[in-house]
């Protein structure tokens, strides 16, 4: 192969890598945007989507329980450590591979339950949660841009609607009786 052919090949590979990097950055931007909108619907500041670990913490808080985030993080770190140990060894260690594969399966199931709980918090079912796990960018955008309301997570102190504004509604009040009083004069400001 001539130098010209090698330069052409390297240039082609560079172009493919740049296109792939742009695609990955677009997916990252979609996920950040979707999380931003989902967090705002739940009453969590949207900027929380920009901070990597805090974003996951907030996702666990609004969908499940924030304490599960720490368990998730430990399992994720252990998975990375097992993969690192497996890569360092020249001869493959079956125990490290098996533990790493088992932890990866636990992470998959863990995130599946997270997305199922997220779907339920927005009034969707298990199928929507499974879809969110398989196609996260599509289903998170549906949650972010759709008309779905966040139903709240009272265990974590997240409420929806008027509960966020500390409005008290008397449960004994009869809304069906039209007993609203009109002001007697036009100068009265309600």
Protein backbone atom coordinates (compact mmCIF):
# COMPACT_ATOMS: atom_id res chain seq x y z
CA UNK A 1 0.00 0.00 0.00
CA UNK A 2 1.34 3.39 -0.95
CA UNK A 3 1.57 6.39 1.33
CA UNK A 4 -1.29 7.99 -0.57
CA UNK A 5 -3.54 4.99 0.11
CA UNK A 6 -2.64 5.00 3.80
CA UNK A 7 -3.36 8.72 4.11
CA UNK A 8 -6.70 8.25 2.33
CA UNK A 9 -7.60 5.38 4.66
CA UNK A 10 -6.64 7.37 7.76
CA UNK A 11 -8.60 10.39 6.51
CA UNK A 12 -11.66 8.20 5.93
CA UNK A 13 -11.37 6.71 9.40
CA UNK A 14 -11.05 10.18 10.89
CA UNK A 15 -14.21 11.32 9.12
CA UNK A 16 -16.11 8.25 10.38
CA UNK A 17 -14.87 8.88 13.93
CA UNK A 18 -15.94 12.55 13.77
CA UNK A 19 -19.42 11.58 12.50
CA UNK A 20 -19.71 8.98 15.26
CA UNK A 21 -18.62 11.55 17.88
CA UNK A 22 -21.21 14.04 16.61
CA UNK A 23 -23.87 11.29 16.81
CA UNK A 24 -22.89 10.48 20.41
CA UNK A 25 -22.95 14.16 21.37
CA UNK A 26 -26.41 14.49 19.81
CA UNK A 27 -27.66 11.52 21.88
CA UNK A 28 -26.15 13.08 25.00
CA UNK A 29 -27.86 16.39 24.24
CA UNK A 30 -31.19 14.61 23.73
CA UNK A 31 -30.87 12.80 27.06
CA UNK A 32 -29.90 15.97 28.93
CA UNK A 33 -32.81 17.88 27.37
CA UNK A 34 -35.27 15.09 28.19
CA UNK A 35 -34.08 14.81 31.78
CA UNK A 36 -34.21 18.61 32.15
CA UNK A 37 -37.88 18.67 31.11
CA UNK A 38 -38.75 15.60 33.22
CA UNK A 39 -37.09 17.12 36.27
CA UNK A 40 -38.99 20.38 35.75
CA UNK A 41 -42.29 18.46 35.58
CA UNK A 42 -41.38 16.83 38.90
CA UNK A 43 -40.49 20.12 40.58
CA UNK A 44 -36.73 19.46 40.55
CA UNK A 45 -34.53 22.20 39.04
CA UNK A 46 -33.78 21.45 35.39
CA UNK A 47 -30.07 22.23 35.72
CA UNK A 48 -29.78 19.02 37.76
CA UNK A 49 -29.70 17.17 34.44
CA UNK A 50 -26.30 18.72 33.65
CA UNK A 51 -24.42 17.18 36.60
CA UNK A 52 -23.63 13.49 35.90
CA UNK A 53 -24.05 11.68 39.22
CA UNK A 54 -26.50 14.18 40.65
CA UNK A 55 -28.71 13.69 37.60
CA UNK A 56 -28.94 9.96 38.31
CA UNK A 57 -29.56 10.70 41.99
CA UNK A 58 -32.47 12.98 41.05
CA UNK A 59 -33.84 10.36 38.66
CA UNK A 60 -33.88 7.79 41.45
CA UNK A 61 -35.47 10.36 43.77
CA UNK A 62 -38.35 11.15 41.45
CA UNK A 63 -38.93 7.60 40.20
CA UNK A 64 -38.09 5.28 43.06
CA UNK A 65 -36.09 5.98 46.21
CA UNK A 66 -32.94 8.03 46.46
CA UNK A 67 -31.37 5.45 48.77
CA UNK A 68 -31.37 2.94 45.90
CA UNK A 69 -29.06 5.26 44.00
CA UNK A 70 -26.21 4.48 46.38
CA UNK A 71 -26.72 0.74 45.93
CA UNK A 72 -26.83 1.27 42.17
CA UNK A 73 -23.60 3.29 42.32
CA UNK A 74 -21.79 0.61 44.35
CA UNK A 75 -22.86 -2.12 41.93
CA UNK A 76 -21.78 0.02 38.99
CA UNK A 77 -18.35 0.65 40.54
CA UNK A 78 -17.92 -3.07 41.28
CA UNK A 79 -18.80 -3.88 37.67
CA UNK A 80 -16.16 -1.45 36.41
CA UNK A 81 -13.57 -2.88 38.83
CA UNK A 82 -14.32 -6.45 37.66
CA UNK A 83 -13.97 -5.38 34.03
CA UNK A 84 -10.70 -3.58 34.81
CA UNK A 85 -9.29 -6.65 36.60
CA UNK A 86 -10.36 -8.85 33.69
CA UNK A 87 -8.57 -6.58 31.21
CA UNK A 88 -5.34 -6.51 33.26
CA UNK A 89 -4.90 -10.26 33.33
CA UNK A 90 -3.25 -11.97 30.41
CA UNK A 91 -5.04 -15.22 31.08
CA UNK A 92 -8.76 -14.76 31.60
CA UNK A 93 -10.04 -15.34 35.12
CA UNK A 94 -13.40 -17.09 35.03
CA UNK A 95 -14.43 -15.85 38.47
CA UNK A 96 -13.90 -12.19 37.58
CA UNK A 97 -15.74 -12.65 34.28
CA UNK A 98 -18.64 -14.42 35.97
CA UNK A 99 -18.93 -11.82 38.74
CA UNK A 100 -18.73 -8.98 36.22
CA UNK A 101 -21.41 -10.56 34.03
CA UNK A 102 -23.62 -11.15 37.07
CA UNK A 103 -23.22 -7.54 38.20
CA UNK A 104 -24.00 -6.32 34.68
CA UNK A 105 -27.20 -8.36 34.76
CA UNK A 106 -28.09 -6.86 38.16
CA UNK A 107 -27.50 -3.35 36.73
CA UNK A 108 -29.74 -4.14 33.77
CA UNK A 109 -32.55 -5.33 36.06
CA UNK A 110 -32.00 -2.39 38.41
CA UNK A 111 -32.34 0.18 35.61
CA UNK A 112 -35.33 -1.73 34.22
CA UNK A 113 -37.11 -1.33 37.56
CA UNK A 114 -36.06 2.33 37.67
CA UNK A 115 -37.64 2.99 34.27
CA UNK A 116 -40.78 0.99 35.14
CA UNK A 117 -41.19 3.11 38.28
CA UNK A 118 -40.54 6.27 36.25
CA UNK A 119 -43.25 5.25 33.79
CA UNK A 120 -45.67 4.61 36.66
CA UNK A 121 -44.94 8.04 38.17
CA UNK A 122 -46.15 9.54 34.89
CA UNK A 123 -49.23 7.31 34.66
CA UNK A 124 -47.89 4.73 32.21
CA UNK A 125 -47.62 0.98 32.59
CA UNK A 126 -44.90 -1.66 32.62
CA UNK A 127 -44.67 -1.80 28.82
CA UNK A 128 -43.75 1.90 28.68
CA UNK A 129 -41.05 1.29 31.32
CA UNK A 130 -39.60 -1.61 29.32
CA UNK A 131 -39.70 0.59 26.21
CA UNK A 132 -37.83 3.29 28.11
CA UNK A 133 -35.10 0.77 28.98
CA UNK A 134 -34.81 -0.48 25.39
CA UNK A 135 -35.19 2.88 23.60
CA UNK A 136 -34.39 5.48 26.28
CA UNK A 137 -33.95 8.48 23.98
CA UNK A 138 -37.37 8.03 22.37
CA UNK A 139 -39.37 7.25 25.50
CA UNK A 140 -37.69 9.88 27.67
CA UNK A 141 -38.54 12.48 25.02
CA UNK A 142 -42.15 11.26 25.06
CA UNK A 143 -42.23 11.83 28.83
CA UNK A 144 -40.46 15.17 28.52
CA UNK A 145 -42.50 16.70 25.72
CA UNK A 146 -45.81 14.91 26.21
CA UNK A 147 -48.82 16.05 28.18
CA UNK A 148 -48.16 13.52 30.93
CA UNK A 149 -48.22 14.91 34.46
CA UNK A 150 -45.87 13.78 37.16
CA UNK A 151 -47.97 11.98 39.76
CA UNK A 152 -45.49 12.53 42.58
CA UNK A 153 -43.39 10.42 44.91
CA UNK A 154 -44.61 11.20 48.45
CA UNK A 155 -41.99 8.87 49.98
CA UNK A 156 -39.31 11.25 48.74
CA UNK A 157 -41.24 14.45 49.42
CA UNK A 158 -42.09 15.11 45.77
CA UNK A 159 -45.67 16.07 45.09
CA UNK A 160 -47.51 17.32 42.08
CA UNK A 161 -50.02 20.00 41.30
CA UNK A 162 -51.27 22.14 44.17
CA UNK A 163 -49.40 20.12 46.76
CA UNK A 164 -46.17 21.78 45.61
CA UNK A 165 -47.64 25.19 46.44
CA UNK A 166 -48.90 24.34 49.94
CA UNK A 167 -52.53 25.01 49.00
CA UNK A 168 -55.10 23.61 51.40
CA UNK A 169 -58.33 22.32 49.92
CA UNK A 170 -61.12 21.47 52.34
CA UNK A 171 -62.11 17.86 51.57
CA UNK A 172 -65.68 18.57 52.70
CA UNK A 173 -66.20 21.48 50.30
CA UNK A 174 -68.88 20.82 47.67
CA UNK A 175 -67.51 22.03 44.34
CA UNK A 176 -70.63 20.96 42.46
CA UNK A 177 -72.75 23.61 44.20
CA UNK A 178 -72.22 26.86 42.33
CA UNK A 179 -72.09 29.07 45.39
CA UNK A 180 -69.42 31.46 44.20
CA UNK A 181 -70.28 35.02 45.14
CA UNK A 182 -69.98 37.84 42.67
CA UNK A 183 -68.67 41.21 43.92
CA UNK A 184 -71.36 43.83 44.46
CA UNK A 185 -69.53 46.59 42.62
CA UNK A 186 -67.12 46.67 39.69
CA UNK A 187 -64.38 48.37 41.73
CA UNK A 188 -63.93 45.35 43.97
CA UNK A 189 -60.76 43.46 43.16
CA UNK A 190 -60.81 39.76 43.80
